Amino acid sequence: MARSLDGLVLAPVADQAPGQVGTRTRFTYHERDGRIWADYAGGDVVRGHLVGSREGDRLDFRYVQLKHDGTTSSGHCVSLVVELADGRVRLEENWQWESQEGSGTSVVEEIVQHTR
């Protein structure tokens, strides 16, 4: 099993469709006892939240977000946690909107926080 997501900051490696999560979006993950949650914002997303569970390297969660135009949307995602050769974490995601039409795949990767 890949390491814990608790306290990690992840970002998409590519932009999704306009008005959705993109490379400027940052996800701050938390994990405890098989439960995961994250807050996210950036790009077209003012505020987003996700909650779900982890079993081994599989995440299953629901998400909801508020965009700058005042609209909200929600969906379901199943992700595989992968540890990269450099030790960072990657999530390979399959998602589907529940509040609107659409589904797809995406990849988010851990951002290394540099300290001075």
C-alpha atoms as a PDB file:
ATOM      1  CA  MET A   1       0.000   0.000   0.000  1.00  0.00           C
ATOM      2  CA  ALA A   2       1.256   3.478  -0.884  1.00  0.00           C
ATOM      3  CA  ARG A   3       1.878   5.873   1.982  1.00  0.00           C
ATOM      4  CA  SER A   4      -0.748   7.974   3.763  1.00  0.00           C
ATOM      5  CA  LEU A   5      -2.284  10.969   2.014  1.00  0.00           C
ATOM      6  CA  ASP A   6      -2.585  12.880   5.296  1.00  0.00           C
ATOM      7  CA  GLY A   7      -1.259  16.432   4.907  1.00  0.00           C
ATOM      8  CA  LEU A   8      -0.292  16.043   1.239  1.00  0.00           C
ATOM      9  CA  VAL A   9      -1.007  18.747  -1.343  1.00  0.00           C
ATOM     10  CA  LEU A  10      -1.779  17.469  -4.851  1.00  0.00           C
ATOM     11  CA  ALA A  11      -2.433  19.204  -8.172  1.00  0.00           C
ATOM     12  CA  PRO A  12      -3.726  18.033 -11.571  1.00  0.00           C
ATOM     13  CA  VAL A  13      -1.039  17.384 -14.175  1.00  0.00           C
ATOM     14  CA  ALA A  14      -3.316  18.725 -16.960  1.00  0.00           C
ATOM     15  CA  ASP A  15      -6.302  21.050 -17.280  1.00  0.00           C
ATOM     16  CA  GLN A  16      -9.780  19.561 -17.573  1.00  0.00           C
ATOM     17  CA  ALA A  17     -12.598  21.234 -19.505  1.00  0.00           C
ATOM     18  CA  PRO A  18     -13.068  25.003 -18.993  1.00  0.00           C
ATOM     19  CA  GLY A  19     -14.822  25.806 -15.716  1.00  0.00           C
ATOM     20  CA  GLN A  20     -13.551  22.690 -13.969  1.00  0.00           C
ATOM     21  CA  VAL A  21     -10.541  21.600 -11.943  1.00  0.00           C
ATOM     22  CA  GLY A  22      -7.231  22.570 -13.579  1.00  0.00           C
ATOM     23  CA  THR A  23      -3.502  22.831 -13.005  1.00  0.00           C
ATOM     24  CA  ARG A  24      -4.011  25.844 -10.703  1.00  0.00           C
ATOM     25  CA  THR A  25      -6.284  23.807  -8.396  1.00  0.00           C
ATOM     26  CA  ARG A  26      -4.706  22.537  -5.165  1.00  0.00           C
ATOM     27  CA  PHE A  27      -6.094  19.649  -3.111  1.00  0.00           C
ATOM     28  CA  THR A  28      -5.094  19.330   0.572  1.00  0.00           C
ATOM     29  CA  TYR A  29      -5.747  15.747   1.676  1.00  0.00           C
ATOM     30  CA  HIS A  30      -6.364  14.254   5.101  1.00  0.00           C
ATOM     31  CA  GLU A  31      -6.593  10.594   6.025  1.00  0.00           C
ATOM     32  CA  ARG A  32      -7.461   8.739   9.200  1.00  0.00           C
ATOM     33  CA  ASP A  33      -8.612   5.147   9.838  1.00  0.00           C
ATOM     34  CA  GLY A  34      -9.575   4.424   6.228  1.00  0.00           C
ATOM     35  CA  ARG A  35     -11.405   7.717   5.789  1.00  0.00           C
ATOM     36  CA  ILE A  36     -10.221  10.471   3.449  1.00  0.00           C
ATOM     37  CA  TRP A  37     -11.235  14.066   2.936  1.00  0.00           C
ATOM     38  CA  ALA A  38      -9.817  17.083   1.164  1.00  0.00           C
ATOM     39  CA  ASP A  39     -10.433  20.757   0.574  1.00  0.00           C
ATOM     40  CA  TYR A  40      -9.579  22.226  -2.790  1.00  0.00           C
ATOM     41  CA  ALA A  41      -9.576  25.569  -4.612  1.00  0.00           C
ATOM     42  CA  GLY A  42      -7.895  27.337  -7.484  1.00  0.00           C
ATOM     43  CA  GLY A  43      -8.549  28.192 -11.099  1.00  0.00           C
ATOM     44  CA  ASP A  44     -12.301  28.246 -11.743  1.00  0.00           C
ATOM     45  CA  VAL A  45     -13.060  26.549  -8.393  1.00  0.00           C
ATOM     46  CA  VAL A  46     -13.664  28.879  -5.429  1.00  0.00           C
ATOM     47  CA  ARG A  47     -14.108  26.050  -2.936  1.00  0.00           C
ATOM     48  CA  GLY A  48     -14.446  22.301  -3.143  1.00  0.00           C
ATOM     49  CA  HIS A  49     -14.674  19.417  -0.711  1.00  0.00           C
ATOM     50  CA  LEU A  50     -14.388  15.674  -1.061  1.00  0.00           C
ATOM     51  CA  VAL A  51     -15.109  12.872   1.410  1.00  0.00           C
ATOM     52  CA  GLY A  52     -14.768   9.134   1.131  1.00  0.00           C
ATOM     53  CA  SER A  53     -12.910   6.018   2.092  1.00  0.00           C
ATOM     54  CA  ARG A  54      -9.678   4.220   1.339  1.00  0.00           C
ATOM     55  CA  GLU A  55      -9.236   0.485   1.067  1.00  0.00           C
ATOM     56  CA  GLY A  56      -5.643  -0.398   0.259  1.00  0.00           C
ATOM     57  CA  ASP A  57      -4.639   1.768  -2.689  1.00  0.00           C
ATOM     58  CA  ARG A  58      -8.241   2.424  -3.820  1.00  0.00           C
ATOM     59  CA  LEU A  59     -10.081   5.642  -2.944  1.00  0.00           C
ATOM     60  CA  ASP A  60     -13.847   5.999  -3.340  1.00  0.00           C
ATOM     61  CA  PHE A  61     -15.246   9.473  -2.718  1.00  0.00           C
ATOM     62  CA  ARG A  62     -17.886  12.071  -3.530  1.00  0.00           C
ATOM     63  CA  TYR A  63     -17.015  15.693  -4.290  1.00  0.00           C
ATOM     64  CA  VAL A  64     -18.864  19.009  -4.418  1.00  0.00           C
ATOM     65  CA  GLN A  65     -17.589  22.361  -5.644  1.00  0.00           C
ATOM     66  CA  LEU A  66     -18.506  26.030  -6.042  1.00  0.00           C
ATOM     67  CA  LYS A  67     -17.249  27.904  -9.093  1.00  0.00           C
ATOM     68  CA  HIS A  68     -16.586  31.645  -9.531  1.00  0.00           C
ATOM     69  CA  ASP A  69     -19.810  32.021 -11.539  1.00  0.00           C
ATOM     70  CA  GLY A  70     -21.796  30.877  -8.470  1.00  0.00           C
ATOM     71  CA  THR A  71     -22.755  27.462  -9.836  1.00  0.00           C
ATOM     72  CA  THR A  72     -22.276  24.250  -7.891  1.00  0.00           C
ATOM     73  CA  SER A  73     -21.629  20.714  -9.077  1.00  0.00           C
ATOM     74  CA  SER A  74     -21.052  17.299  -7.542  1.00  0.00           C
ATOM     75  CA  GLY A  75     -19.863  13.863  -8.516  1.00  0.00           C
ATOM     76  CA  HIS A  76     -18.280  10.532  -7.680  1.00  0.00           C
ATOM     77  CA  CYS A  77     -14.662   9.443  -8.140  1.00  0.00           C
ATOM     78  CA  VAL A  78     -12.684   6.228  -7.754  1.00  0.00           C
ATOM     79  CA  SER A  79      -8.912   6.670  -7.642  1.00  0.00           C
ATOM     80  CA  LEU A  80      -5.853   4.443  -7.515  1.00  0.00           C
ATOM     81  CA  VAL A  81      -3.020   5.632  -5.250  1.00  0.00           C
ATOM     82  CA  VAL A  82       0.379   5.123  -6.902  1.00  0.00           C
ATOM     83  CA  GLU A  83       3.776   5.856  -5.400  1.00  0.00           C
ATOM     84  CA  LEU A  84       6.110   7.404  -7.995  1.00  0.00           C
ATOM     85  CA  ALA A  85       9.798   6.485  -8.339  1.00  0.00           C
ATOM     86  CA  ASP A  86      10.767   9.797  -6.693  1.00  0.00           C
ATOM     87  CA  GLY A  87       8.583   9.004  -3.642  1.00  0.00           C
ATOM     88  CA  ARG A  88       5.713  11.362  -4.493  1.00  0.00           C
ATOM     89  CA  VAL A  89       2.116  10.193  -4.639  1.00  0.00           C
ATOM     90  CA  ARG A  90      -0.065  10.118  -7.765  1.00  0.00           C
ATOM     91  CA  LEU A  91      -3.829   9.547  -7.925  1.00  0.00           C
ATOM     92  CA  GLU A  92      -5.134   8.023 -11.155  1.00  0.00           C
ATOM     93  CA  GLU A  93      -8.808   9.000 -11.178  1.00  0.00           C
ATOM     94  CA  ASN A  94     -12.012   7.891 -12.882  1.00  0.00           C
ATOM     95  CA  TRP A  95     -14.776  10.402 -12.194  1.00  0.00           C
ATOM     96  CA  GLN A  96     -18.372  11.005 -13.114  1.00  0.00           C
ATOM     97  CA  TRP A  97     -20.576  14.015 -12.524  1.00  0.00           C
ATOM     98  CA  GLU A  98     -23.797  13.344 -10.632  1.00  0.00           C
ATOM     99  CA  SER A  99     -25.219  16.867 -10.948  1.00  0.00           C
ATOM    100  CA  GLN A 100     -24.697  17.125 -14.716  1.00  0.00           C
ATOM    101  CA  GLU A 101     -23.652  15.084 -17.736  1.00  0.00           C
ATOM    102  CA  GLY A 102     -20.052  13.983 -18.107  1.00  0.00           C
ATOM    103  CA  SER A 103     -17.313  11.631 -16.956  1.00  0.00           C
ATOM    104  CA  GLY A 104     -13.613  11.163 -17.522  1.00  0.00           C
ATOM    105  CA  THR A 105     -10.183  10.413 -16.167  1.00  0.00           C
ATOM    106  CA  SER A 106      -7.569  12.639 -14.577  1.00  0.00           C
ATOM    107  CA  VAL A 107      -4.231  12.450 -12.775  1.00  0.00           C
ATOM    108  CA  VAL A 108      -3.191  14.488  -9.743  1.00  0.00           C
ATOM    109  CA  GLU A 109       0.290  14.394  -8.247  1.00  0.00           C
ATOM    110  CA  GLU A 110       1.842  15.457  -4.972  1.00  0.00           C
ATOM    111  CA  ILE A 111       3.466  18.886  -4.954  1.00  0.00           C
ATOM    112  CA  VAL A 112       6.743  18.992  -3.083  1.00  0.00           C
ATOM    113  CA  GLN A 113       6.641  21.802  -0.549  1.00  0.00           C
ATOM    114  CA  HIS A 114      10.031  23.540  -0.406  1.00  0.00           C
ATOM    115  CA  THR A 115      11.107  25.016   2.929  1.00  0.00           C
ATOM    116  CA  ARG A 116      13.931  27.461   3.584  1.00  0.00           C
END
